[in-house]
């Protein structure tokens, strides 16, 4: 009989995030906890990979606004990345105000497809910052890094 360490039931049944090599990712308490809200799975996937590269923890995802409001508060998020197009068209300003009520300490970053009057609308609606989806990945990463630094201070 081998004297090697046998896995505990909780270890084998607990889902874990994996990196690209299949190794479990271990997060520590100091990591920025991010919730992703974007209707497009491919955009959420790209953001998830970028956040992992930045050593941030993705604590939840949603493809619609109602799921974001229902699930984000329970995740103890530090930062919410939300696509402006996910917000209810007629309630953009009120939607972010409602989010502020349920996640008062979260840093809200709005992702915008087209730079125009929407960026001012996003900021005046209660967003802390906005990021254009059209920016180069390095620029998006830098903006997210800066935002995470402000969470930790």
Protein backbone atom coordinates (compact mmCIF):
# COMPACT_ATOMS: atom_id res chain seq x y z
CA UNK A 1 0.00 0.00 0.00
CA UNK A 2 1.35 3.41 -0.96
CA UNK A 3 2.00 5.89 1.80
CA UNK A 4 1.33 8.80 -0.55
CA UNK A 5 -1.14 11.48 0.39
CA UNK A 6 -4.72 10.53 -0.47
CA UNK A 7 -7.00 13.33 -1.62
CA UNK A 8 -9.75 14.35 0.73
CA UNK A 9 -13.32 14.23 -0.56
CA UNK A 10 -13.64 18.01 -0.40
CA UNK A 11 -10.47 18.38 -2.47
CA UNK A 12 -11.75 16.18 -5.28
CA UNK A 13 -15.27 17.58 -5.34
CA UNK A 14 -14.47 21.27 -5.09
CA UNK A 15 -14.43 23.08 -8.44
CA UNK A 16 -11.27 25.10 -8.96
CA UNK A 17 -10.22 27.68 -11.48
CA UNK A 18 -7.47 26.39 -13.72
CA UNK A 19 -4.75 28.17 -15.61
CA UNK A 20 -3.95 27.40 -19.25
CA UNK A 21 -1.79 24.41 -18.27
CA UNK A 22 -4.60 22.87 -16.20
CA UNK A 23 -2.99 23.64 -12.85
CA UNK A 24 -5.27 24.94 -10.06
CA UNK A 25 -5.07 28.66 -9.47
CA UNK A 26 -4.71 29.67 -5.86
CA UNK A 27 -6.04 33.09 -4.98
CA UNK A 28 -5.16 34.99 -1.89
CA UNK A 29 -7.18 37.55 -0.01
CA UNK A 30 -5.24 40.51 -1.44
CA UNK A 31 -6.38 39.83 -5.00
CA UNK A 32 -8.84 42.16 -6.66
CA UNK A 33 -12.20 40.41 -6.94
CA UNK A 34 -13.89 41.19 -10.29
CA UNK A 35 -17.40 40.50 -11.54
CA UNK A 36 -17.90 40.47 -15.35
CA UNK A 37 -21.17 41.53 -16.92
CA UNK A 38 -21.27 41.28 -20.71
CA UNK A 39 -23.82 39.66 -23.00
CA UNK A 40 -21.19 38.24 -25.37
CA UNK A 41 -19.51 35.04 -24.13
CA UNK A 42 -16.42 35.64 -26.29
CA UNK A 43 -15.89 39.08 -24.74
CA UNK A 44 -16.31 37.69 -21.21
CA UNK A 45 -13.82 34.95 -22.06
CA UNK A 46 -11.24 37.45 -23.36
CA UNK A 47 -11.70 39.64 -20.29
CA UNK A 48 -11.45 36.62 -17.98
CA UNK A 49 -8.10 35.65 -19.54
CA UNK A 50 -6.83 39.22 -19.30
CA UNK A 51 -7.87 39.45 -15.64
CA UNK A 52 -6.17 36.14 -14.87
CA UNK A 53 -2.98 37.45 -16.49
CA UNK A 54 -3.26 40.49 -14.22
CA UNK A 55 -3.58 38.17 -11.18
CA UNK A 56 -7.17 39.24 -10.49
CA UNK A 57 -9.88 36.84 -9.40
CA UNK A 58 -13.08 36.59 -11.46
CA UNK A 59 -15.75 35.95 -8.83
CA UNK A 60 -18.76 35.84 -11.14
CA UNK A 61 -20.15 36.51 -14.57
CA UNK A 62 -23.49 37.48 -16.03
CA UNK A 63 -24.90 37.78 -19.52
CA UNK A 64 -27.76 40.10 -18.58
CA UNK A 65 -28.49 42.96 -16.24
CA UNK A 66 -31.01 41.23 -13.98
CA UNK A 67 -28.53 38.40 -13.26
CA UNK A 68 -25.84 41.00 -12.52
CA UNK A 69 -28.02 42.77 -9.95
CA UNK A 70 -29.16 39.48 -8.42
CA UNK A 71 -25.77 37.75 -8.17
CA UNK A 72 -22.99 40.36 -7.97
CA UNK A 73 -23.61 41.55 -4.37
CA UNK A 74 -23.09 38.04 -2.92
CA UNK A 75 -19.61 37.75 -4.49
CA UNK A 76 -17.96 40.42 -2.31
CA UNK A 77 -16.62 42.02 -5.48
CA UNK A 78 -14.10 44.85 -5.50
CA UNK A 79 -14.67 45.78 -9.12
CA UNK A 80 -17.48 45.36 -11.62
CA UNK A 81 -16.78 45.39 -15.35
CA UNK A 82 -20.09 46.00 -17.11
CA UNK A 83 -20.83 46.46 -20.80
CA UNK A 84 -22.79 49.69 -21.34
CA UNK A 85 -24.96 47.83 -23.87
CA UNK A 86 -26.01 45.40 -21.13
CA UNK A 87 -27.71 48.17 -19.17
CA UNK A 88 -31.43 48.63 -19.78
CA UNK A 89 -31.70 51.14 -22.66
CA UNK A 90 -34.25 53.35 -20.98
CA UNK A 91 -32.69 53.08 -17.51
CA UNK A 92 -28.92 53.38 -17.98
CA UNK A 93 -28.47 56.06 -15.32
CA UNK A 94 -30.97 54.51 -12.92
CA UNK A 95 -29.53 51.02 -13.48
CA UNK A 96 -26.06 52.07 -12.32
CA UNK A 97 -27.58 53.96 -9.39
CA UNK A 98 -29.39 50.77 -8.36
CA UNK A 99 -26.13 48.85 -8.67
CA UNK A 100 -24.49 51.41 -6.36
CA UNK A 101 -27.15 50.65 -3.75
CA UNK A 102 -26.48 46.90 -3.75
CA UNK A 103 -22.68 47.13 -4.21
CA UNK A 104 -21.75 50.47 -2.61
CA UNK A 105 -18.02 49.76 -2.22
CA UNK A 106 -17.45 48.32 -5.72
CA UNK A 107 -15.46 50.17 -8.33
CA UNK A 108 -17.67 50.30 -11.44
CA UNK A 109 -15.95 50.28 -14.81
CA UNK A 110 -18.17 50.56 -17.86
CA UNK A 111 -17.05 48.93 -21.10
CA UNK A 112 -18.07 50.97 -24.12
CA UNK A 113 -18.10 49.79 -27.74
CA UNK A 114 -18.14 53.24 -29.33
CA UNK A 115 -16.59 56.37 -27.89
CA UNK A 116 -19.13 59.11 -28.12
CA UNK A 117 -21.56 60.78 -25.75
CA UNK A 118 -21.89 57.42 -23.98
CA UNK A 119 -18.63 57.90 -22.09
CA UNK A 120 -19.96 61.03 -20.41
CA UNK A 121 -23.29 59.27 -19.83
CA UNK A 122 -21.47 56.35 -18.18
CA UNK A 123 -19.53 58.64 -15.88
CA UNK A 124 -22.54 60.78 -15.01
CA UNK A 125 -24.57 57.60 -14.41
CA UNK A 126 -22.26 56.63 -11.56
CA UNK A 127 -19.41 54.76 -13.23
CA UNK A 128 -15.96 55.29 -11.78
CA UNK A 129 -14.30 54.88 -15.16
CA UNK A 130 -14.90 53.66 -18.68
CA UNK A 131 -12.82 51.58 -21.04
CA UNK A 132 -13.32 51.40 -24.78
CA UNK A 133 -13.60 47.85 -26.09
CA UNK A 134 -11.72 49.09 -29.15
CA UNK A 135 -8.53 49.85 -27.21
CA UNK A 136 -5.47 47.64 -27.59
CA UNK A 137 -5.34 44.80 -25.01
CA UNK A 138 -2.20 46.31 -23.45
CA UNK A 139 -4.03 49.61 -22.86
CA UNK A 140 -7.06 47.80 -21.40
CA UNK A 141 -4.72 45.84 -19.11
CA UNK A 142 -3.01 49.05 -17.96
CA UNK A 143 -6.33 50.72 -17.17
CA UNK A 144 -7.49 47.65 -15.23
CA UNK A 145 -4.17 47.54 -13.35
CA UNK A 146 -4.60 51.19 -12.35
CA UNK A 147 -8.18 50.58 -11.26
CA UNK A 148 -7.13 47.58 -9.16
CA UNK A 149 -4.42 49.68 -7.51
CA UNK A 150 -7.07 52.18 -6.45
CA UNK A 151 -9.14 49.37 -4.91
CA UNK A 152 -6.24 48.30 -2.70
CA UNK A 153 -5.48 51.77 -1.38
